[in-house]
Structure formats: structure tokens, C-alpha cells
Amino acid sequence: MTVVRTLVLCNFIFMGALPSIVFRRAARFSLMWWVTAAPFLVCGRLVAVARSGELAPSIGYGGQLEVIAAAATVVCSAMSVVFILAAWRAHRQPPALWHQEDDQPTVLVTRGPYAYIRHPLYAAYLLALVAALLAVPHPAMAVGLISGWALLEITARREERRLCASPLGGEYVAYMRRTGRFWPRVVARPPALSEGSAT
């Protein structure tokens, strides 16, 4: 599993470099940014510690289960990187770093992975956390995955409320009906009674 953990660690290092290479230079690292980033920083560090042999997983994989876990880890980590690259390519201008409070988008990105999900970068981050948990099955990783998911859910909902109230609101509400938040919507959602609600 050392090679697999190395792959997951590279995934986290790549995610850590994103603020410098993908997002707007004017982005600020607010308190909420650090709170949201904390599970990813902790899980990335735990993967590094486990890779060096200083942290033993709580569940020991054996035989065929280890092969399955390793394969699932590689798939999740690879999908995370692919989602990041595809989302990056879909933007014509650098996106905001976990949308700043005063950030007001001027265009709605609906190409690439955004045609299916509204937050492909967040989906990529969650896939990295799943890969970390599979690579290092430890309670701290499970806490990291749950808290990371909850914080990204809060962040995404806040962004969606802001977008619904922006000049792009009508277009965004229609976009929400045909896409999922972190994974594709199987069936388009019917019109809501309140057009401006972000659910």
C-alpha cells in the first residue's frame, strides 16, 4: 500500500498547490477558508505519516481485500485529479478561491464537468478524502471525510444562495434543476414553488 499512499499524497500535494496555480491571485485566505481546508490538511498529513510507517491503520486489509482497496483508492485518486483538471479547463478565467464574500461572478460556467455537477472541484476534493480513507482506514480519516463533506456542503449551499440572489439568479436556478451538487443528477428536478430558493 506504500505506492498507493504515495499516489494519494501526491493528490493532496496537487490540491494544496491549486491556490497558487488555478485560482484568482486576489483571493484571500479567510478564517472560513482555513476551517474548510483543515480536514484536507489533516488527512494529507495523516497519509504522509502512514506512508512513513508512523501511523498504523485501524483496519488491516488482507489478501484480496487489500487488492480491492488499493484499486478503489487508485480510481478515486485518479478521478479526483481528472475532475480538477477538467474543471480548470472549463474556466476561461481563474475561479475564486472558495468564493469570497464579495465575489460576484459575471458568467456561469456550464461546460465540461459543470454540465453535470455544479461543484466539480468540491467533488474532486471529496474523492481525495475517500481515497485517503481507503488508503489509511483509520478513525481520524473517517472524521476528516465526514467533516470535509459537511464543510463543503455548507460552502456550496452558501455559494448557491449567493448566486441565486445575483444577476445570474434566474439562469442559476434553471442550472440547479438539471445538475447535481457533487454528483450528476439522474432526473431533472421539477420547478420549485420559490424560484429563488437554493436547495
C-alpha atoms as a PDB file:
ATOM      1  CA  MET A   1       0.000   0.000   0.000  1.00  0.00           C
ATOM      2  CA  THR A   2       3.022   2.322   0.157  1.00  0.00           C
ATOM      3  CA  VAL A   3       2.820   3.075  -3.562  1.00  0.00           C
ATOM      4  CA  VAL A   4      -0.924   3.711  -3.300  1.00  0.00           C
ATOM      5  CA  ARG A   5      -0.416   6.030  -0.315  1.00  0.00           C
ATOM      6  CA  THR A   6       2.248   7.883  -2.296  1.00  0.00           C
ATOM      7  CA  LEU A   7      -0.291   8.420  -5.081  1.00  0.00           C
ATOM      8  CA  VAL A   8      -2.859   9.755  -2.594  1.00  0.00           C
ATOM      9  CA  LEU A   9      -0.230  12.008  -1.019  1.00  0.00           C
ATOM     10  CA  CYS A  10       0.607  13.409  -4.483  1.00  0.00           C
ATOM     11  CA  ASN A  11      -3.129  14.074  -4.969  1.00  0.00           C
ATOM     12  CA  PHE A  12      -3.183  16.119  -1.739  1.00  0.00           C
ATOM     13  CA  ILE A  13       0.003  17.986  -2.692  1.00  0.00           C
ATOM     14  CA  PHE A  14      -1.567  18.836  -6.064  1.00  0.00           C
ATOM     15  CA  MET A  15      -4.710  20.101  -4.294  1.00  0.00           C
ATOM     16  CA  GLY A  16      -2.527  22.163  -1.973  1.00  0.00           C
ATOM     17  CA  ALA A  17      -0.879  23.818  -4.978  1.00  0.00           C
ATOM     18  CA  LEU A  18      -4.203  24.821  -6.557  1.00  0.00           C
ATOM     19  CA  PRO A  19      -4.464  28.233  -4.820  1.00  0.00           C
ATOM     20  CA  SER A  20      -1.180  29.206  -6.499  1.00  0.00           C
ATOM     21  CA  ILE A  21      -1.796  27.761  -9.955  1.00  0.00           C
ATOM     22  CA  VAL A  22      -5.556  27.740 -10.585  1.00  0.00           C
ATOM     23  CA  PHE A  23      -7.395  30.334  -8.528  1.00  0.00           C
ATOM     24  CA  ARG A  24      -7.504  34.108  -8.742  1.00  0.00           C
ATOM     25  CA  ARG A  25      -4.443  35.819  -7.353  1.00  0.00           C
ATOM     26  CA  ALA A  26      -6.599  38.316  -5.424  1.00  0.00           C
ATOM     27  CA  ALA A  27      -8.117  35.523  -3.333  1.00  0.00           C
ATOM     28  CA  ARG A  28      -7.854  35.885   0.439  1.00  0.00           C
ATOM     29  CA  PHE A  29      -7.376  33.060   2.892  1.00  0.00           C
ATOM     30  CA  SER A  30     -10.222  33.915   5.271  1.00  0.00           C
ATOM     31  CA  LEU A  31     -10.908  32.138   8.560  1.00  0.00           C
ATOM     32  CA  MET A  32     -13.662  30.105   6.862  1.00  0.00           C
ATOM     33  CA  TRP A  33     -11.203  29.073   4.136  1.00  0.00           C
ATOM     34  CA  TRP A  34      -8.833  27.692   6.794  1.00  0.00           C
ATOM     35  CA  VAL A  35     -11.697  25.947   8.626  1.00  0.00           C
ATOM     36  CA  THR A  36     -12.854  24.320   5.371  1.00  0.00           C
ATOM     37  CA  ALA A  37      -9.289  23.398   4.409  1.00  0.00           C
ATOM     38  CA  ALA A  38      -8.491  21.871   7.830  1.00  0.00           C
ATOM     39  CA  PRO A  39      -9.827  18.326   7.146  1.00  0.00           C
ATOM     40  CA  PHE A  40      -7.826  18.199   3.916  1.00  0.00           C
ATOM     41  CA  LEU A  41      -4.646  19.435   5.587  1.00  0.00           C
ATOM     42  CA  VAL A  42      -5.044  16.934   8.434  1.00  0.00           C
ATOM     43  CA  CYS A  43      -5.871  13.985   6.153  1.00  0.00           C
ATOM     44  CA  GLY A  44      -2.987  14.813   3.818  1.00  0.00           C
ATOM     45  CA  ARG A  45      -0.648  14.868   6.802  1.00  0.00           C
ATOM     46  CA  LEU A  46      -2.045  11.563   8.093  1.00  0.00           C
ATOM     47  CA  VAL A  47      -1.446   9.939   4.705  1.00  0.00           C
ATOM     48  CA  ALA A  48       2.173  11.151   4.841  1.00  0.00           C
ATOM     49  CA  VAL A  49       2.590   9.803   8.381  1.00  0.00           C
ATOM     50  CA  ALA A  50       1.016   6.437   7.456  1.00  0.00           C
ATOM     51  CA  ARG A  51       3.222   6.234   4.358  1.00  0.00           C
ATOM     52  CA  SER A  52       6.305   6.571   6.566  1.00  0.00           C
ATOM     53  CA  GLY A  53       5.011   3.795   8.827  1.00  0.00           C
ATOM     54  CA  GLU A  54       4.411   6.004  11.880  1.00  0.00           C
ATOM     55  CA  LEU A  55       0.607   5.572  11.797  1.00  0.00           C
ATOM     56  CA  ALA A  56      -0.932   2.122  11.661  1.00  0.00           C
ATOM     57  CA  PRO A  57      -4.357   1.781  10.029  1.00  0.00           C
ATOM     58  CA  SER A  58      -7.121   0.623  12.392  1.00  0.00           C
ATOM     59  CA  ILE A  59      -8.313  -1.940   9.868  1.00  0.00           C
ATOM     60  CA  GLY A  60      -5.771  -4.262   8.320  1.00  0.00           C
ATOM     61  CA  TYR A  61      -6.576  -5.296   4.790  1.00  0.00           C
ATOM     62  CA  GLY A  62      -5.619  -8.827   3.911  1.00  0.00           C
ATOM     63  CA  GLY A  63      -5.290 -10.754   0.680  1.00  0.00           C
ATOM     64  CA  GLN A  64      -7.960  -9.966  -1.895  1.00  0.00           C
ATOM     65  CA  LEU A  65      -9.425  -7.149   0.205  1.00  0.00           C
ATOM     66  CA  GLU A  66      -6.120  -5.267   0.035  1.00  0.00           C
ATOM     67  CA  VAL A  67      -6.097  -5.541  -3.761  1.00  0.00           C
ATOM     68  CA  ILE A  68      -9.699  -4.273  -3.968  1.00  0.00           C
ATOM     69  CA  ALA A  69      -8.989  -1.403  -1.547  1.00  0.00           C
ATOM     70  CA  ALA A  70      -5.838  -0.459  -3.466  1.00  0.00           C
ATOM     71  CA  ALA A  71      -7.712  -0.469  -6.797  1.00  0.00           C
ATOM     72  CA  ALA A  72     -10.576   1.619  -5.357  1.00  0.00           C
ATOM     73  CA  THR A  73      -8.048   4.066  -3.876  1.00  0.00           C
ATOM     74  CA  VAL A  74      -6.287   4.498  -7.221  1.00  0.00           C
ATOM     75  CA  VAL A  75      -9.618   5.020  -9.023  1.00  0.00           C
ATOM     76  CA  CYS A  76     -10.819   7.647  -6.501  1.00  0.00           C
ATOM     77  CA  SER A  77      -7.497   9.489  -6.504  1.00  0.00           C
ATOM     78  CA  ALA A  78      -7.239   9.436 -10.312  1.00  0.00           C
ATOM     79  CA  MET A  79     -10.836  10.666 -10.652  1.00  0.00           C
ATOM     80  CA  SER A  80     -10.040  13.479  -8.218  1.00  0.00           C
ATOM     81  CA  VAL A  81      -7.155  14.683 -10.387  1.00  0.00           C
ATOM     82  CA  VAL A  82      -9.196  14.300 -13.598  1.00  0.00           C
ATOM     83  CA  PHE A  83     -12.083  16.332 -12.113  1.00  0.00           C
ATOM     84  CA  ILE A  84      -9.675  19.087 -11.051  1.00  0.00           C
ATOM     85  CA  LEU A  85      -8.066  19.264 -14.482  1.00  0.00           C
ATOM     86  CA  ALA A  86     -11.422  19.153 -16.305  1.00  0.00           C
ATOM     87  CA  ALA A  87     -12.897  21.899 -14.073  1.00  0.00           C
ATOM     88  CA  TRP A  88      -9.756  24.011 -14.519  1.00  0.00           C
ATOM     89  CA  ARG A  89     -10.032  23.637 -18.303  1.00  0.00           C
ATOM     90  CA  ALA A  90     -13.727  24.613 -18.274  1.00  0.00           C
ATOM     91  CA  HIS A  91     -12.971  28.050 -16.807  1.00  0.00           C
ATOM     92  CA  ARG A  92     -11.983  30.829 -19.204  1.00  0.00           C
ATOM     93  CA  GLN A  93     -10.797  32.924 -16.264  1.00  0.00           C
ATOM     94  CA  PRO A  94      -9.467  31.743 -12.894  1.00  0.00           C
ATOM     95  CA  PRO A  95     -12.254  30.946 -10.394  1.00  0.00           C
ATOM     96  CA  ALA A  96     -12.479  32.465  -6.921  1.00  0.00           C
ATOM     97  CA  LEU A  97     -10.926  30.558  -4.050  1.00  0.00           C
ATOM     98  CA  TRP A  98     -13.945  29.103  -2.210  1.00  0.00           C
ATOM     99  CA  HIS A  99     -15.911  32.130  -3.309  1.00  0.00           C
ATOM    100  CA  GLN A 100     -15.025  35.186  -1.299  1.00  0.00           C
ATOM    101  CA  GLU A 101     -17.903  37.026   0.377  1.00  0.00           C
ATOM    102  CA  ASP A 102     -17.542  39.969  -2.022  1.00  0.00           C
ATOM    103  CA  ASP A 103     -17.014  37.793  -5.115  1.00  0.00           C
ATOM    104  CA  GLN A 104     -19.662  38.352  -7.774  1.00  0.00           C
ATOM    105  CA  PRO A 105     -19.322  36.085 -10.826  1.00  0.00           C
ATOM    106  CA  THR A 106     -20.133  37.628 -14.191  1.00  0.00           C
ATOM    107  CA  VAL A 107     -20.596  34.406 -16.143  1.00  0.00           C
ATOM    108  CA  LEU A 108     -21.999  30.963 -15.359  1.00  0.00           C
ATOM    109  CA  VAL A 109     -19.672  28.096 -16.321  1.00  0.00           C
ATOM    110  CA  THR A 110     -21.753  25.169 -17.650  1.00  0.00           C
ATOM    111  CA  ARG A 111     -19.277  23.318 -19.873  1.00  0.00           C
ATOM    112  CA  GLY A 112     -17.027  20.377 -19.108  1.00  0.00           C
ATOM    113  CA  PRO A 113     -17.859  18.712 -15.789  1.00  0.00           C
ATOM    114  CA  TYR A 114     -20.056  21.717 -14.904  1.00  0.00           C
ATOM    115  CA  ALA A 115     -22.582  20.389 -17.428  1.00  0.00           C
ATOM    116  CA  TYR A 116     -23.317  17.584 -14.956  1.00  0.00           C
ATOM    117  CA  ILE A 117     -22.369  18.850 -11.492  1.00  0.00           C
ATOM    118  CA  ARG A 118     -22.273  22.350 -10.039  1.00  0.00           C
ATOM    119  CA  HIS A 119     -19.157  21.863  -7.904  1.00  0.00           C
ATOM    120  CA  PRO A 120     -16.711  19.507  -9.663  1.00  0.00           C
ATOM    121  CA  LEU A 121     -13.750  20.867  -7.696  1.00  0.00           C
ATOM    122  CA  TYR A 122     -15.504  20.066  -4.425  1.00  0.00           C
ATOM    123  CA  ALA A 123     -16.373  16.620  -5.792  1.00  0.00           C
ATOM    124  CA  ALA A 124     -12.670  16.157  -6.579  1.00  0.00           C
ATOM    125  CA  TYR A 125     -11.709  17.144  -3.033  1.00  0.00           C
ATOM    126  CA  LEU A 126     -14.217  14.659  -1.606  1.00  0.00           C
ATOM    127  CA  LEU A 127     -12.870  11.890  -3.845  1.00  0.00           C
ATOM    128  CA  ALA A 128      -9.399  12.622  -2.464  1.00  0.00           C
ATOM    129  CA  LEU A 129     -10.750  12.211   1.078  1.00  0.00           C
ATOM    130  CA  VAL A 130     -12.398   8.899   0.124  1.00  0.00           C
ATOM    131  CA  ALA A 131      -9.082   7.760  -1.397  1.00  0.00           C
ATOM    132  CA  ALA A 132      -7.286   8.759   1.817  1.00  0.00           C
ATOM    133  CA  LEU A 133      -9.725   6.769   3.950  1.00  0.00           C
ATOM    134  CA  LEU A 134      -9.338   3.714   1.699  1.00  0.00           C
ATOM    135  CA  ALA A 135      -5.533   4.019   1.759  1.00  0.00           C
ATOM    136  CA  VAL A 136      -5.393   4.570   5.533  1.00  0.00           C
ATOM    137  CA  PRO A 137      -8.516   3.110   7.178  1.00  0.00           C
ATOM    138  CA  HIS A 138      -8.273   4.998  10.453  1.00  0.00           C
ATOM    139  CA  PRO A 139     -10.966   6.760  12.551  1.00  0.00           C
ATOM    140  CA  ALA A 140      -9.217  10.108  12.069  1.00  0.00           C
ATOM    141  CA  MET A 141      -9.601   9.706   8.292  1.00  0.00           C
ATOM    142  CA  ALA A 142     -13.295   8.911   8.687  1.00  0.00           C
ATOM    143  CA  VAL A 143     -13.709  12.084  10.782  1.00  0.00           C
ATOM    144  CA  GLY A 144     -11.796  14.003   8.090  1.00  0.00           C
ATOM    145  CA  LEU A 145     -14.089  12.709   5.343  1.00  0.00           C
ATOM    146  CA  ILE A 146     -17.283  13.481   7.280  1.00  0.00           C
ATOM    147  CA  SER A 147     -16.163  16.952   8.373  1.00  0.00           C
ATOM    148  CA  GLY A 148     -14.756  17.762   4.914  1.00  0.00           C
ATOM    149  CA  TRP A 149     -18.042  16.745   3.305  1.00  0.00           C
ATOM    150  CA  ALA A 150     -20.086  18.767   5.815  1.00  0.00           C
ATOM    151  CA  LEU A 151     -17.931  21.885   5.368  1.00  0.00           C
ATOM    152  CA  LEU A 152     -18.029  21.679   1.565  1.00  0.00           C
ATOM    153  CA  GLU A 153     -21.800  21.174   1.737  1.00  0.00           C
ATOM    154  CA  ILE A 154     -22.106  24.364   3.824  1.00  0.00           C
ATOM    155  CA  THR A 155     -19.771  26.242   1.467  1.00  0.00           C
ATOM    156  CA  ALA A 156     -21.612  25.047  -1.652  1.00  0.00           C
ATOM    157  CA  ARG A 157     -25.036  25.955  -0.235  1.00  0.00           C
ATOM    158  CA  ARG A 158     -23.796  29.415   0.729  1.00  0.00           C
ATOM    159  CA  GLU A 159     -22.359  29.952  -2.761  1.00  0.00           C
ATOM    160  CA  GLU A 160     -25.587  28.762  -4.359  1.00  0.00           C
ATOM    161  CA  ARG A 161     -27.711  31.137  -2.261  1.00  0.00           C
ATOM    162  CA  ARG A 162     -25.436  33.999  -3.291  1.00  0.00           C
ATOM    163  CA  LEU A 163     -25.621  33.005  -6.970  1.00  0.00           C
ATOM    164  CA  CYS A 164     -29.419  32.729  -6.841  1.00  0.00           C
ATOM    165  CA  ALA A 165     -29.567  36.280  -5.470  1.00  0.00           C
ATOM    166  CA  SER A 166     -27.118  37.618  -8.090  1.00  0.00           C
ATOM    167  CA  PRO A 167     -27.923  38.965 -11.589  1.00  0.00           C
ATOM    168  CA  LEU A 168     -27.302  35.372 -12.779  1.00  0.00           C
ATOM    169  CA  GLY A 169     -30.016  34.080 -10.413  1.00  0.00           C
ATOM    170  CA  GLY A 170     -32.632  33.010 -12.961  1.00  0.00           C
ATOM    171  CA  GLU A 171     -30.046  31.228 -15.081  1.00  0.00           C
ATOM    172  CA  TYR A 172     -28.531  29.600 -11.995  1.00  0.00           C
ATOM    173  CA  VAL A 173     -31.877  28.306 -10.693  1.00  0.00           C
ATOM    174  CA  ALA A 174     -32.510  26.635 -14.073  1.00  0.00           C
ATOM    175  CA  TYR A 175     -28.959  25.239 -13.974  1.00  0.00           C
ATOM    176  CA  MET A 176     -29.559  23.822 -10.481  1.00  0.00           C
ATOM    177  CA  ARG A 177     -32.616  21.919 -11.743  1.00  0.00           C
ATOM    178  CA  ARG A 178     -30.614  19.968 -14.306  1.00  0.00           C
ATOM    179  CA  THR A 179     -27.381  19.354 -12.356  1.00  0.00           C
ATOM    180  CA  GLY A 180     -26.381  17.762  -9.075  1.00  0.00           C
ATOM    181  CA  ARG A 181     -24.313  19.442  -6.406  1.00  0.00           C
ATOM    182  CA  PHE A 182     -21.421  16.950  -6.129  1.00  0.00           C
ATOM    183  CA  TRP A 183     -22.555  14.131  -8.433  1.00  0.00           C
ATOM    184  CA  PRO A 184     -24.725  14.110 -11.567  1.00  0.00           C
ATOM    185  CA  ARG A 185     -28.477  14.367 -11.212  1.00  0.00           C
ATOM    186  CA  VAL A 186     -30.222  11.306 -12.618  1.00  0.00           C
ATOM    187  CA  VAL A 187     -33.538  13.085 -13.201  1.00  0.00           C
ATOM    188  CA  ALA A 188     -34.023  16.838 -13.669  1.00  0.00           C
ATOM    189  CA  ARG A 189     -35.701  18.454 -10.666  1.00  0.00           C
ATOM    190  CA  PRO A 190     -39.171  19.951 -11.307  1.00  0.00           C
ATOM    191  CA  PRO A 191     -39.592  23.722 -10.901  1.00  0.00           C
ATOM    192  CA  ALA A 192     -39.686  24.799  -7.269  1.00  0.00           C
ATOM    193  CA  LEU A 193     -42.514  26.868  -5.807  1.00  0.00           C
ATOM    194  CA  SER A 194     -39.955  29.519  -4.878  1.00  0.00           C
ATOM    195  CA  GLU A 195     -37.675  30.199  -7.870  1.00  0.00           C
ATOM    196  CA  GLY A 196     -35.079  31.959  -5.721  1.00  0.00           C
ATOM    197  CA  SER A 197     -34.550  29.142  -3.225  1.00  0.00           C
ATOM    198  CA  ALA A 198     -31.193  27.358  -3.298  1.00  0.00           C
ATOM    199  CA  THR A 199     -31.616  23.811  -2.079  1.00  0.00           C
END
